[in-house]
Amino acid sequence: MKTRLATATILAFALVPAATAAAPTPARLQVSGDEFSLALSRALIRKGQAIIELVNYGEDDHDLALRRIGGARTYRVGVVEPGQTGSLAARFRPGRFTLWCTLADHRTRGMRATLTVR
């Protein structure tokens, strides 16, 4: 009787489907902004879910816009005050992305960068 119970228990566990694979950890990118530049913590992230963080080391407010070159969708981190941090979580397709500050003339003064997503 014990043998049958042990065999039944083993078979029951063998028939239970394996747990689904956990979702991959999101890629992370930190963008440092000041007057008047953007610096990326890395130039390349993997496709899929990502967390983009804007840290404002400057004396002026800054924000961040990201758009895939040739794409129409613009991702945004809202206005971040000096000494503060803002973030965005989104799913990114492969390609090259332009990043820039949309406030005043900050983009033309040098607050722009390029990110590659693979």
C-alpha atoms as a PDB file:
ATOM      1  CA  MET A   1       0.000   0.000   0.000  1.00  0.00           C
ATOM      2  CA  LYS A   2       2.812   2.428   0.896  1.00  0.00           C
ATOM      3  CA  THR A   3       4.517   1.667  -2.404  1.00  0.00           C
ATOM      4  CA  ARG A   4       1.356   2.514  -4.362  1.00  0.00           C
ATOM      5  CA  LEU A   5       0.920   5.758  -2.416  1.00  0.00           C
ATOM      6  CA  ALA A   6       4.542   6.761  -2.994  1.00  0.00           C
ATOM      7  CA  THR A   7       4.266   5.944  -6.712  1.00  0.00           C
ATOM      8  CA  ALA A   8       1.016   7.902  -7.013  1.00  0.00           C
ATOM      9  CA  THR A   9       2.594  10.906  -5.271  1.00  0.00           C
ATOM     10  CA  ILE A  10       5.621  10.827  -7.569  1.00  0.00           C
ATOM     11  CA  LEU A  11       3.399  10.554 -10.650  1.00  0.00           C
ATOM     12  CA  ALA A  12       1.219  13.425  -9.460  1.00  0.00           C
ATOM     13  CA  PHE A  13       4.244  15.728  -9.161  1.00  0.00           C
ATOM     14  CA  ALA A  14       5.610  14.528 -12.499  1.00  0.00           C
ATOM     15  CA  LEU A  15       2.345  15.462 -14.235  1.00  0.00           C
ATOM     16  CA  VAL A  16       2.200  18.984 -12.801  1.00  0.00           C
ATOM     17  CA  PRO A  17       3.420  21.387 -15.493  1.00  0.00           C
ATOM     18  CA  ALA A  18       6.639  23.202 -14.726  1.00  0.00           C
ATOM     19  CA  ALA A  19       6.209  26.751 -13.521  1.00  0.00           C
ATOM     20  CA  THR A  20       6.294  29.272 -16.315  1.00  0.00           C
ATOM     21  CA  ALA A  21       9.600  31.024 -16.744  1.00  0.00           C
ATOM     22  CA  ALA A  22       9.839  34.284 -14.866  1.00  0.00           C
ATOM     23  CA  ALA A  23       9.731  37.419 -16.974  1.00  0.00           C
ATOM     24  CA  PRO A  24      13.199  38.807 -17.673  1.00  0.00           C
ATOM     25  CA  THR A  25      14.382  41.668 -15.504  1.00  0.00           C
ATOM     26  CA  PRO A  26      13.831  45.004 -17.275  1.00  0.00           C
ATOM     27  CA  ALA A  27      16.848  46.676 -18.843  1.00  0.00           C
ATOM     28  CA  ARG A  28      17.859  49.826 -16.975  1.00  0.00           C
ATOM     29  CA  LEU A  29      19.317  53.071 -18.277  1.00  0.00           C
ATOM     30  CA  GLN A  30      20.242  56.143 -16.284  1.00  0.00           C
ATOM     31  CA  VAL A  31      20.414  59.452 -18.114  1.00  0.00           C
ATOM     32  CA  SER A  32      22.254  62.256 -16.330  1.00  0.00           C
ATOM     33  CA  GLY A  33      21.273  65.763 -17.335  1.00  0.00           C
ATOM     34  CA  ASP A  34      22.791  69.150 -16.593  1.00  0.00           C
ATOM     35  CA  GLU A  35      23.393  72.417 -18.439  1.00  0.00           C
ATOM     36  CA  PHE A  36      23.545  71.486 -21.304  1.00  0.00           C
ATOM     37  CA  SER A  37      24.309  67.817 -21.860  1.00  0.00           C
ATOM     38  CA  LEU A  38      22.890  64.323 -21.499  1.00  0.00           C
ATOM     39  CA  ALA A  39      25.111  61.406 -20.464  1.00  0.00           C
ATOM     40  CA  LEU A  40      23.902  57.802 -20.747  1.00  0.00           C
ATOM     41  CA  SER A  41      24.997  55.115 -18.288  1.00  0.00           C
ATOM     42  CA  ARG A  42      25.235  52.801 -21.318  1.00  0.00           C
ATOM     43  CA  ALA A  43      24.822  53.241 -25.058  1.00  0.00           C
ATOM     44  CA  LEU A  44      23.040  49.897 -25.626  1.00  0.00           C
ATOM     45  CA  ILE A  45      20.144  48.114 -23.927  1.00  0.00           C
ATOM     46  CA  ARG A  46      18.277  44.936 -24.864  1.00  0.00           C
ATOM     47  CA  LYS A  47      14.844  45.071 -26.475  1.00  0.00           C
ATOM     48  CA  GLY A  48      11.750  44.612 -24.365  1.00  0.00           C
ATOM     49  CA  GLN A  49      10.804  46.084 -21.021  1.00  0.00           C
ATOM     50  CA  ALA A  50      13.131  48.851 -19.788  1.00  0.00           C
ATOM     51  CA  ILE A  51      13.290  51.456 -17.064  1.00  0.00           C
ATOM     52  CA  ILE A  52      14.714  54.814 -18.115  1.00  0.00           C
ATOM     53  CA  GLU A  53      15.703  57.157 -15.300  1.00  0.00           C
ATOM     54  CA  LEU A  54      16.526  60.859 -15.707  1.00  0.00           C
ATOM     55  CA  VAL A  55      18.668  62.355 -12.941  1.00  0.00           C
ATOM     56  CA  ASN A  56      18.856  66.151 -13.017  1.00  0.00           C
ATOM     57  CA  TYR A  57      22.289  67.288 -11.834  1.00  0.00           C
ATOM     58  CA  GLY A  58      21.746  70.758 -13.271  1.00  0.00           C
ATOM     59  CA  GLU A  59      20.422  74.037 -11.936  1.00  0.00           C
ATOM     60  CA  ASP A  60      17.489  74.239 -14.386  1.00  0.00           C
ATOM     61  CA  ASP A  61      14.460  71.991 -14.876  1.00  0.00           C
ATOM     62  CA  HIS A  62      14.924  69.275 -17.522  1.00  0.00           C
ATOM     63  CA  ASP A  63      12.792  66.577 -19.112  1.00  0.00           C
ATOM     64  CA  LEU A  64      13.517  63.709 -21.477  1.00  0.00           C
ATOM     65  CA  ALA A  65      11.963  62.582 -24.746  1.00  0.00           C
ATOM     66  CA  LEU A  66      12.920  59.389 -26.595  1.00  0.00           C
ATOM     67  CA  ARG A  67      11.917  58.481 -30.151  1.00  0.00           C
ATOM     68  CA  ARG A  68      12.987  55.568 -32.313  1.00  0.00           C
ATOM     69  CA  ILE A  69      14.630  56.923 -35.456  1.00  0.00           C
ATOM     70  CA  GLY A  70      12.013  56.517 -38.174  1.00  0.00           C
ATOM     71  CA  GLY A  71       9.312  55.919 -35.560  1.00  0.00           C
ATOM     72  CA  ALA A  72       6.317  58.017 -34.614  1.00  0.00           C
ATOM     73  CA  ARG A  73       5.936  57.291 -30.892  1.00  0.00           C
ATOM     74  CA  THR A  74       7.649  59.574 -28.401  1.00  0.00           C
ATOM     75  CA  TYR A  75       8.291  58.317 -24.863  1.00  0.00           C
ATOM     76  CA  ARG A  76       8.599  60.961 -22.145  1.00  0.00           C
ATOM     77  CA  VAL A  77       9.941  61.525 -18.681  1.00  0.00           C
ATOM     78  CA  GLY A  78       8.204  64.629 -17.370  1.00  0.00           C
ATOM     79  CA  VAL A  79       9.873  67.725 -15.985  1.00  0.00           C
ATOM     80  CA  VAL A  80      12.485  66.913 -13.342  1.00  0.00           C
ATOM     81  CA  GLU A  81      13.576  69.668 -10.989  1.00  0.00           C
ATOM     82  CA  PRO A  82      17.243  70.176 -10.022  1.00  0.00           C
ATOM     83  CA  GLY A  83      18.491  67.412  -7.738  1.00  0.00           C
ATOM     84  CA  GLN A  84      15.485  65.190  -8.484  1.00  0.00           C
ATOM     85  CA  THR A  85      14.893  62.009 -10.485  1.00  0.00           C
ATOM     86  CA  GLY A  86      12.139  60.975 -12.876  1.00  0.00           C
ATOM     87  CA  SER A  87      11.573  57.637 -14.567  1.00  0.00           C
ATOM     88  CA  LEU A  88       9.699  55.841 -17.303  1.00  0.00           C
ATOM     89  CA  ALA A  89       8.928  52.139 -17.732  1.00  0.00           C
ATOM     90  CA  ALA A  90       8.114  51.025 -21.270  1.00  0.00           C
ATOM     91  CA  ARG A  91       8.649  48.274 -23.825  1.00  0.00           C
ATOM     92  CA  PHE A  92      11.190  49.173 -26.514  1.00  0.00           C
ATOM     93  CA  ARG A  93      11.595  47.663 -29.973  1.00  0.00           C
ATOM     94  CA  PRO A  94      15.040  47.247 -31.530  1.00  0.00           C
ATOM     95  CA  GLY A  95      16.505  50.283 -33.236  1.00  0.00           C
ATOM     96  CA  ARG A  96      18.306  53.536 -32.603  1.00  0.00           C
ATOM     97  CA  PHE A  97      16.621  56.104 -30.411  1.00  0.00           C
ATOM     98  CA  THR A  98      17.197  59.833 -30.196  1.00  0.00           C
ATOM     99  CA  LEU A  99      16.973  61.304 -26.678  1.00  0.00           C
ATOM    100  CA  TRP A 100      16.617  65.010 -25.962  1.00  0.00           C
ATOM    101  CA  CYS A 101      15.384  67.632 -23.507  1.00  0.00           C
ATOM    102  CA  THR A 102      12.285  69.365 -24.890  1.00  0.00           C
ATOM    103  CA  LEU A 103      12.473  72.464 -22.679  1.00  0.00           C
ATOM    104  CA  ALA A 104      13.307  75.856 -24.214  1.00  0.00           C
ATOM    105  CA  ASP A 105      16.421  75.625 -26.422  1.00  0.00           C
ATOM    106  CA  HIS A 106      18.077  72.836 -24.404  1.00  0.00           C
ATOM    107  CA  ARG A 107      18.226  70.419 -27.354  1.00  0.00           C
ATOM    108  CA  THR A 108      20.013  72.878 -29.620  1.00  0.00           C
ATOM    109  CA  ARG A 109      22.420  73.710 -26.792  1.00  0.00           C
ATOM    110  CA  GLY A 110      23.552  70.065 -26.560  1.00  0.00           C
ATOM    111  CA  MET A 111      21.005  68.120 -24.528  1.00  0.00           C
ATOM    112  CA  ARG A 112      20.702  65.209 -26.945  1.00  0.00           C
ATOM    113  CA  ALA A 113      22.049  61.666 -27.166  1.00  0.00           C
ATOM    114  CA  THR A 114      21.555  58.379 -29.063  1.00  0.00           C
ATOM    115  CA  LEU A 115      20.624  54.992 -27.601  1.00  0.00           C
ATOM    116  CA  THR A 116      20.720  51.625 -29.379  1.00  0.00           C
ATOM    117  CA  VAL A 117      18.179  48.934 -28.496  1.00  0.00           C
ATOM    118  CA  ARG A 118      18.981  45.368 -29.667  1.00  0.00           C
END
